[in-house]
Protein backbone atom coordinates (compact mmCIF):
# COMPACT_ATOMS: atom_id res chain seq x y z
CA UNK A 1 2.33 28.47 -80.32
CA UNK A 2 0.23 25.73 -78.79
CA UNK A 3 0.67 24.22 -75.36
CA UNK A 4 -0.77 20.92 -74.16
CA UNK A 5 -0.81 20.28 -70.44
CA UNK A 6 -1.91 17.13 -68.63
CA UNK A 7 -2.93 16.89 -65.00
CA UNK A 8 -4.56 14.47 -62.59
CA UNK A 9 -2.02 11.69 -62.32
CA UNK A 10 -0.96 10.17 -59.03
CA UNK A 11 -0.71 7.02 -56.97
CA UNK A 12 -3.68 4.85 -56.10
CA UNK A 13 -4.39 1.35 -54.93
CA UNK A 14 -5.83 -1.25 -57.25
CA UNK A 15 -9.54 -0.74 -57.73
CA UNK A 16 -9.29 3.01 -57.29
CA UNK A 17 -10.00 5.80 -59.74
CA UNK A 18 -8.25 8.80 -61.21
CA UNK A 19 -9.37 11.45 -63.65
CA UNK A 20 -6.83 12.83 -66.10
CA UNK A 21 -7.32 16.17 -67.79
CA UNK A 22 -5.56 17.60 -70.80
CA UNK A 23 -5.95 21.19 -71.90
CA UNK A 24 -4.69 22.75 -75.10
CA UNK A 25 -4.13 26.49 -75.39
CA UNK A 26 -2.63 28.99 -77.76
CA UNK A 27 -3.25 29.95 -81.38
CA UNK A 28 -5.91 27.33 -82.08
CA UNK A 29 -8.60 27.52 -84.72
CA UNK A 30 -9.96 24.06 -84.15
CA UNK A 31 -8.87 20.79 -82.60
CA UNK A 32 -9.55 17.63 -84.56
CA UNK A 33 -8.83 14.60 -82.43
CA UNK A 34 -7.50 14.56 -78.88
CA UNK A 35 -5.84 11.38 -77.72
CA UNK A 36 -4.46 9.66 -74.66
CA UNK A 37 -1.43 7.43 -74.92
CA UNK A 38 0.51 5.62 -72.22
CA UNK A 39 3.98 4.21 -71.87
CA UNK A 40 4.83 1.67 -69.21
CA UNK A 41 8.45 1.03 -68.19
CA UNK A 42 10.23 -1.00 -70.81
CA UNK A 43 7.28 -0.93 -73.19
CA UNK A 44 6.34 1.01 -76.26
CA UNK A 45 3.92 3.90 -76.10
CA UNK A 46 0.41 2.78 -76.90
CA UNK A 47 -2.77 4.60 -77.83
CA UNK A 48 -5.36 4.27 -75.08
CA UNK A 49 -8.26 6.41 -76.23
CA UNK A 50 -9.15 9.06 -78.77
CA UNK A 51 -12.05 11.41 -79.30
CA UNK A 52 -12.95 13.57 -82.27
CA UNK A 53 -14.49 17.03 -82.21
CA UNK A 54 -17.97 15.57 -82.74
CA UNK A 55 -17.56 13.32 -79.72
CA UNK A 56 -16.86 10.07 -81.51
CA UNK A 57 -14.69 8.06 -79.15
CA UNK A 58 -12.51 5.02 -79.49
CA UNK A 59 -10.99 3.20 -76.55
CA UNK A 60 -8.54 0.33 -76.71
CA UNK A 61 -9.98 -3.05 -75.75
CA UNK A 62 -7.85 -3.52 -72.63
CA UNK A 63 -9.50 -0.55 -70.91
CA UNK A 64 -12.71 -0.20 -72.87
CA UNK A 65 -15.11 -0.80 -69.99
CA UNK A 66 -13.07 1.13 -67.45
CA UNK A 67 -11.70 4.31 -69.09
CA UNK A 68 -14.35 6.52 -70.67
CA UNK A 69 -13.00 9.50 -72.62
CA UNK A 70 -14.88 12.78 -72.84
CA UNK A 71 -14.20 16.21 -74.22
CA UNK A 72 -15.18 19.80 -73.58
CA UNK A 73 -14.70 21.57 -76.91
CA UNK A 74 -15.29 25.03 -75.50
CA UNK A 75 -12.38 24.48 -73.13
CA UNK A 76 -10.15 22.59 -75.61
CA UNK A 77 -9.95 19.94 -72.92
CA UNK A 78 -10.13 16.16 -72.93
CA UNK A 79 -10.69 13.95 -69.92
CA UNK A 80 -9.86 10.32 -69.21
CA UNK A 81 -11.79 8.85 -66.31
CA UNK A 82 -9.87 5.81 -65.11
CA UNK A 83 -11.91 3.39 -63.01
CA UNK A 84 -11.14 0.01 -61.47
CA UNK A 85 -7.45 0.66 -61.91
CA UNK A 86 -5.06 -2.27 -62.08
CA UNK A 87 -1.31 -2.45 -61.47
CA UNK A 88 -0.81 -3.02 -65.19
CA UNK A 89 -2.29 0.44 -65.83
CA UNK A 90 0.84 1.93 -64.28
CA UNK A 91 2.45 4.16 -66.88
CA UNK A 92 3.16 7.70 -67.92
CA UNK A 93 0.05 8.99 -69.65
CA UNK A 94 0.49 11.43 -72.53
CA UNK A 95 -2.06 13.56 -74.27
CA UNK A 96 -1.81 14.85 -77.80
CA UNK A 97 -3.97 17.09 -79.90
CA UNK A 98 -4.26 17.47 -83.66
CA UNK A 99 -4.62 21.22 -83.95
CA UNK A 100 -5.74 23.32 -86.90
CA UNK A 101 -4.06 26.72 -87.01
CA UNK A 102 -4.01 29.47 -89.62
CA UNK A 103 -0.69 28.07 -90.77
CA UNK A 104 -1.88 24.48 -91.09
CA UNK A 105 -2.42 21.38 -88.97
CA UNK A 106 0.07 20.08 -86.43
CA UNK A 107 0.20 17.60 -83.58
CA UNK A 108 1.19 18.73 -80.12
CA UNK A 109 2.11 16.56 -77.13
CA UNK A 110 1.96 17.19 -73.43
CA UNK A 111 4.77 16.40 -71.03
CA UNK A 112 3.03 13.38 -69.53
CA UNK A 113 1.60 12.56 -66.15
CA UNK A 114 2.58 9.56 -64.03
CA UNK A 115 -0.06 7.07 -62.92
CA UNK A 116 1.01 4.43 -60.42
CA UNK A 117 -1.33 1.67 -59.29
CA UNK A 118 -0.26 -0.51 -56.38
CA UNK A 119 -1.64 -3.94 -55.59
């Protein structure tokens, strides 16, 4: 099986920074894209950033200049550096990974990590 585990969430004041990490482990041949989503209270889950195995990254416009996404392929890990945080960034942040296994390709989600930004 494959496990996806996020870490790095917490509470910060506006203007602060956090770095989220997401590590995938298990029977993995290759990971295609790794993605960060977030879900604020009362809102739908939205895609924040994604990165492919060759390092091609896409970040949603609302955080484009503040949240760079990077990846360490050897560690099956993706990072989201969150800078200049705003109260509207408060959400549960979820990571998912599109994983290639011997049995095929599947998508695995982490349990989420809470990010709270106070004004």
